[in-house]
């Protein structure tokens, strides 16, 4: 499932490509026809990211088109003329109304692609914890959410009501970077470590947005002189899906936690 950096990068890219333009919006598959019809021909005012959720705001339309990619959703941007016809599986297609042959953004496989009214939007956002990539992301709210939970910190970080946008890769990498045992009860994590978890998440997610990929390896562990944008997959992470920890060389443990495979290094994180 795409993590928060992907969602924020999509919001930024779609704002740049489509923002301020009247769009022709269709649902070739048919499952998002109501949303498409409600915004077809309207100007896209903004694209907001909240954790793993995207909200497309159109002029003169109350509420927003909500997209959640889930496990299988993805956007494809088509810019090579002639623009091909959408596939039968295309949930939404967005094209500039004034120049439909210049660009198309296609969505397929998403868990959600629907028009939310303001009350539904408020309810959605109320279920989410603070987003480390947003300007209104609140580290104190993150700390308060953890303080109310007995579950392991490794499970709490995947709870979108605790913090919005962290997925399985960032869970593993943030916990390792802060040397936190993933089985520590969330409410027992010291306050200074909680702040370190937040700050590390912010830094890693921002790097992910900038590079458009997850790269969590600290500079001192990366190949000397190699640009971070060109690191191989196994060079981009310290413990996730690795057999040996990149930091200490010890074995990486794989265990199920919160219905996802947890990757962690007992030598580094338990001492």
Protein backbone atom coordinates (compact mmCIF):
# COMPACT_ATOMS: atom_id res chain seq x y z
CA UNK A 1 0.00 0.00 0.00
CA UNK A 2 1.38 3.45 -0.86
CA UNK A 3 2.64 5.33 2.18
CA UNK A 4 2.23 8.99 3.01
CA UNK A 5 5.12 10.25 0.90
CA UNK A 6 3.50 8.84 -2.27
CA UNK A 7 0.17 10.48 -1.48
CA UNK A 8 1.73 13.88 -0.84
CA UNK A 9 3.83 13.60 -3.98
CA UNK A 10 0.68 12.81 -5.99
CA UNK A 11 -1.07 15.83 -4.48
CA UNK A 12 1.85 18.04 -5.45
CA UNK A 13 2.15 16.62 -8.97
CA UNK A 14 -1.57 16.73 -9.70
CA UNK A 15 -1.79 20.30 -8.45
CA UNK A 16 1.04 21.24 -10.80
CA UNK A 17 -0.42 19.39 -13.80
CA UNK A 18 -4.13 20.02 -13.34
CA UNK A 19 -4.63 22.76 -10.77
CA UNK A 20 -6.44 25.88 -11.94
CA UNK A 21 -7.78 24.14 -15.05
CA UNK A 22 -11.28 23.06 -15.99
CA UNK A 23 -11.25 19.28 -16.25
CA UNK A 24 -13.23 16.74 -18.20
CA UNK A 25 -13.78 13.94 -15.69
CA UNK A 26 -15.16 10.53 -16.61
CA UNK A 27 -15.44 7.07 -15.07
CA UNK A 28 -14.92 4.57 -17.90
CA UNK A 29 -15.35 1.67 -15.50
CA UNK A 30 -18.52 3.21 -14.14
CA UNK A 31 -17.88 2.72 -10.43
CA UNK A 32 -17.12 6.42 -9.87
CA UNK A 33 -19.73 7.84 -12.25
CA UNK A 34 -21.51 9.89 -9.60
CA UNK A 35 -18.30 11.62 -8.54
CA UNK A 36 -17.21 12.18 -12.15
CA UNK A 37 -20.54 13.72 -13.15
CA UNK A 38 -20.54 16.02 -10.12
CA UNK A 39 -17.19 17.63 -11.00
CA UNK A 40 -17.04 17.29 -14.80
CA UNK A 41 -16.22 20.64 -16.38
CA UNK A 42 -15.26 22.27 -13.09
CA UNK A 43 -11.94 23.94 -12.27
CA UNK A 44 -9.68 21.96 -9.95
CA UNK A 45 -8.91 24.34 -7.09
CA UNK A 46 -6.69 22.16 -4.91
CA UNK A 47 -5.52 18.65 -4.11
CA UNK A 48 -5.05 17.93 -0.41
CA UNK A 49 -3.26 14.97 1.13
CA UNK A 50 -4.14 13.66 4.58
CA UNK A 51 -2.15 10.56 5.48
CA UNK A 52 -3.07 8.00 2.82
CA UNK A 53 -6.09 9.96 1.56
CA UNK A 54 -6.37 12.41 -1.33
CA UNK A 55 -9.06 15.08 -1.58
CA UNK A 56 -9.67 16.82 -4.92
CA UNK A 57 -11.47 20.15 -4.52
CA UNK A 58 -13.35 21.69 -7.43
CA UNK A 59 -14.73 25.20 -7.81
CA UNK A 60 -18.43 25.42 -7.03
CA UNK A 61 -18.61 21.88 -5.61
CA UNK A 62 -19.29 21.32 -1.92
CA UNK A 63 -17.06 18.68 -0.42
CA UNK A 64 -14.35 16.87 -2.34
CA UNK A 65 -13.59 13.82 -4.46
CA UNK A 66 -11.96 11.37 -2.09
CA UNK A 67 -9.39 8.84 -3.32
CA UNK A 68 -7.81 6.10 -1.23
CA UNK A 69 -5.50 3.90 -3.25
CA UNK A 70 -5.54 0.92 -0.91
CA UNK A 71 -3.36 -2.02 -1.87
CA UNK A 72 -3.92 -2.01 -5.61
CA UNK A 73 -4.81 1.54 -6.62
CA UNK A 74 -2.55 3.63 -8.80
CA UNK A 75 -2.47 6.74 -10.93
CA UNK A 76 -0.93 6.80 -14.40
CA UNK A 77 -0.15 10.07 -16.15
CA UNK A 78 -0.32 9.91 -19.94
CA UNK A 79 1.37 12.74 -21.83
CA UNK A 80 2.48 11.18 -25.09
CA UNK A 81 0.22 12.12 -28.01
CA UNK A 82 -2.03 10.67 -29.09
CA UNK A 83 -3.53 9.97 -25.68
CA UNK A 84 -4.82 6.37 -25.74
CA UNK A 85 -8.41 5.54 -24.94
CA UNK A 86 -8.91 4.63 -21.27
CA UNK A 87 -8.92 1.00 -20.32
CA UNK A 88 -12.12 -0.67 -19.17
CA UNK A 89 -10.67 -0.83 -15.65
CA UNK A 90 -10.04 2.93 -15.44
CA UNK A 91 -11.96 4.20 -12.42
CA UNK A 92 -11.46 7.90 -13.18
CA UNK A 93 -9.92 9.84 -16.04
CA UNK A 94 -9.06 13.53 -15.65
CA UNK A 95 -8.10 15.58 -18.71
CA UNK A 96 -7.84 19.35 -19.30
CA UNK A 97 -11.11 20.39 -20.93
CA UNK A 98 -9.40 22.95 -23.17
CA UNK A 99 -6.79 20.50 -24.49
CA UNK A 100 -7.91 16.88 -24.00
CA UNK A 101 -5.18 15.52 -26.27
CA UNK A 102 -2.33 16.96 -24.18
CA UNK A 103 -2.65 15.04 -20.94
CA UNK A 104 -4.66 12.41 -19.11
CA UNK A 105 -4.45 11.23 -15.50
CA UNK A 106 -5.99 7.79 -15.02
CA UNK A 107 -6.93 6.13 -11.73
CA UNK A 108 -7.48 2.40 -11.41
CA UNK A 109 -7.85 -0.15 -8.62
CA UNK A 110 -8.52 2.32 -5.82
CA UNK A 111 -10.28 1.31 -2.63
CA UNK A 112 -12.25 4.59 -2.64
CA UNK A 113 -13.10 7.10 -5.36
CA UNK A 114 -16.16 9.00 -4.27
CA UNK A 115 -17.64 12.43 -3.73
CA UNK A 116 -17.80 13.31 -0.04
CA UNK A 117 -20.05 16.07 1.22
CA UNK A 118 -18.59 18.38 3.89
CA UNK A 119 -19.99 16.33 6.77
CA UNK A 120 -18.58 13.10 5.35
CA UNK A 121 -15.23 14.77 4.79
CA UNK A 122 -15.17 16.03 8.37
CA UNK A 123 -15.95 12.53 9.62
CA UNK A 124 -13.13 11.06 7.54
CA UNK A 125 -10.55 13.56 8.79
CA UNK A 126 -11.73 13.16 12.39
CA UNK A 127 -10.73 9.49 12.23
CA UNK A 128 -7.14 10.32 11.28
CA UNK A 129 -4.23 11.09 13.54
CA UNK A 130 -1.80 13.93 12.79
CA UNK A 131 0.00 13.81 9.45
CA UNK A 132 3.76 14.44 9.81
CA UNK A 133 3.92 15.93 6.30
CA UNK A 134 1.22 18.53 6.82
CA UNK A 135 1.86 21.99 8.22
CA UNK A 136 -0.81 21.33 10.82
CA UNK A 137 0.79 18.02 11.84
CA UNK A 138 0.88 18.11 15.63
CA UNK A 139 3.59 16.16 17.51
CA UNK A 140 1.75 16.76 20.78
CA UNK A 141 -1.36 15.05 19.39
CA UNK A 142 0.85 12.14 18.30
CA UNK A 143 2.28 11.88 21.80
CA UNK A 144 -1.18 12.03 23.37
CA UNK A 145 -2.44 9.28 21.06
CA UNK A 146 0.44 7.00 22.04
CA UNK A 147 -0.06 7.72 25.72
CA UNK A 148 -3.57 6.28 25.52
CA UNK A 149 -2.52 2.95 23.99
CA UNK A 150 -1.23 -0.21 25.61
CA UNK A 151 -0.55 -1.92 22.28
CA UNK A 152 3.07 -2.29 21.09
CA UNK A 153 4.57 0.80 19.51
CA UNK A 154 5.13 -1.27 16.37
CA UNK A 155 1.38 -1.74 16.09
CA UNK A 156 0.49 1.81 17.10
CA UNK A 157 2.52 3.34 14.27
CA UNK A 158 0.35 1.52 11.72
CA UNK A 159 -2.87 2.79 13.32
CA UNK A 160 -3.95 5.70 11.14
CA UNK A 161 -5.88 7.13 14.10
CA UNK A 162 -2.56 7.51 15.92
CA UNK A 163 -0.51 8.97 13.07
CA UNK A 164 -1.59 9.27 9.46
CA UNK A 165 0.62 8.15 6.60
CA UNK A 166 3.01 5.60 8.09
CA UNK A 167 3.02 2.17 6.45
CA UNK A 168 5.03 -0.98 6.91
CA UNK A 169 8.32 0.28 5.44
CA UNK A 170 8.46 3.48 7.43
CA UNK A 171 7.35 1.65 10.59
CA UNK A 172 10.40 -0.60 10.40
CA UNK A 173 12.84 2.12 9.43
CA UNK A 174 11.68 4.76 11.92
CA UNK A 175 11.75 2.33 14.83
CA UNK A 176 15.24 1.20 13.88
CA UNK A 177 16.54 4.73 13.43
CA UNK A 178 15.32 5.60 16.94
CA UNK A 179 16.54 2.27 18.39
CA UNK A 180 13.09 1.38 19.72
CA UNK A 181 12.01 -2.16 20.53
CA UNK A 182 8.79 -2.57 18.49
CA UNK A 183 7.14 -4.52 21.31
CA UNK A 184 7.44 -1.72 23.85
CA UNK A 185 3.91 -0.69 24.92
CA UNK A 186 3.15 2.59 23.18
CA UNK A 187 2.30 4.43 26.38
CA UNK A 188 5.63 3.40 27.93
CA UNK A 189 7.82 4.97 25.25
CA UNK A 190 9.70 7.88 26.90
CA UNK A 191 8.65 11.39 25.91
CA UNK A 192 11.99 12.25 24.31
CA UNK A 193 11.85 9.05 22.24
CA UNK A 194 8.29 9.84 21.16
CA UNK A 195 9.50 13.21 19.89
CA UNK A 196 12.42 11.51 18.14
CA UNK A 197 9.97 9.13 16.43
CA UNK A 198 7.94 12.09 15.18
CA UNK A 199 10.95 14.09 13.98
CA UNK A 200 12.46 11.05 12.26
CA UNK A 201 9.17 10.29 10.53
CA UNK A 202 8.92 13.87 9.29
CA UNK A 203 12.45 13.77 7.89
CA UNK A 204 12.04 10.36 6.22
CA UNK A 205 8.68 11.20 4.66
CA UNK A 206 9.97 14.53 3.34
CA UNK A 207 12.90 12.72 1.75
CA UNK A 208 10.43 10.27 0.22
CA UNK A 209 8.42 13.10 -1.32
CA UNK A 210 11.57 14.74 -2.68
CA UNK A 211 12.95 11.56 -4.24
CA UNK A 212 9.55 10.03 -5.07
CA UNK A 213 10.68 6.81 -3.41
CA UNK A 214 11.51 5.52 0.04
CA UNK A 215 15.15 6.11 0.99
CA UNK A 216 15.85 5.83 4.71
CA UNK A 217 19.51 4.82 4.79
CA UNK A 218 21.56 7.42 6.68
CA UNK A 219 24.40 8.97 4.65
CA UNK A 220 27.08 7.21 6.69
CA UNK A 221 25.67 3.79 5.70
CA UNK A 222 25.10 4.59 2.03
CA UNK A 223 27.72 3.97 -0.67
CA UNK A 224 30.14 6.88 -0.70
CA UNK A 225 29.63 9.34 -3.51
CA UNK A 226 26.48 7.69 -4.86
CA UNK A 227 23.46 10.00 -5.22
CA UNK A 228 20.58 8.99 -2.98
CA UNK A 229 18.27 9.03 -5.99
CA UNK A 230 20.35 6.26 -7.58
CA UNK A 231 20.67 3.86 -4.66
CA UNK A 232 19.68 0.26 -5.40
CA UNK A 233 16.60 -1.11 -3.65
CA UNK A 234 18.71 -2.99 -1.09
CA UNK A 235 20.75 0.16 -0.41
CA UNK A 236 17.73 2.36 0.38
CA UNK A 237 16.66 0.75 3.66
CA UNK A 238 18.38 -0.49 6.81
CA UNK A 239 16.16 -3.36 7.95
CA UNK A 240 13.02 -3.60 5.79
CA UNK A 241 13.00 -6.88 3.84
CA UNK A 242 16.68 -7.36 4.56
CA UNK A 243 18.23 -10.54 5.97
CA UNK A 244 21.02 -8.61 7.69
CA UNK A 245 20.86 -5.20 9.35
CA UNK A 246 22.73 -2.62 7.31
CA UNK A 247 23.85 -0.88 10.52
CA UNK A 248 25.31 -3.74 12.55
CA UNK A 249 25.30 -6.74 10.22
CA UNK A 250 23.20 -8.79 12.63
CA UNK A 251 20.20 -10.85 11.54
CA UNK A 252 16.92 -9.07 10.86
CA UNK A 253 13.95 -10.68 12.56
CA UNK A 254 10.67 -11.10 10.67
CA UNK A 255 7.49 -11.44 12.73
CA UNK A 256 3.81 -10.69 12.32
CA UNK A 257 2.63 -7.61 14.17
CA UNK A 258 -0.64 -5.80 13.48
CA UNK A 259 -1.34 -8.10 10.52
CA UNK A 260 1.81 -6.99 8.69
CA UNK A 261 5.31 -8.44 8.60
CA UNK A 262 7.54 -6.55 10.99
CA UNK A 263 11.26 -6.26 10.20
CA UNK A 264 13.54 -5.32 13.08
CA UNK A 265 17.04 -5.81 14.44
CA UNK A 266 17.14 -7.12 18.04
CA UNK A 267 20.81 -6.20 18.36
CA UNK A 268 20.21 -2.54 17.53
CA UNK A 269 16.73 -2.11 18.95
CA UNK A 270 16.90 -4.14 22.12
CA UNK A 271 20.60 -3.88 22.92
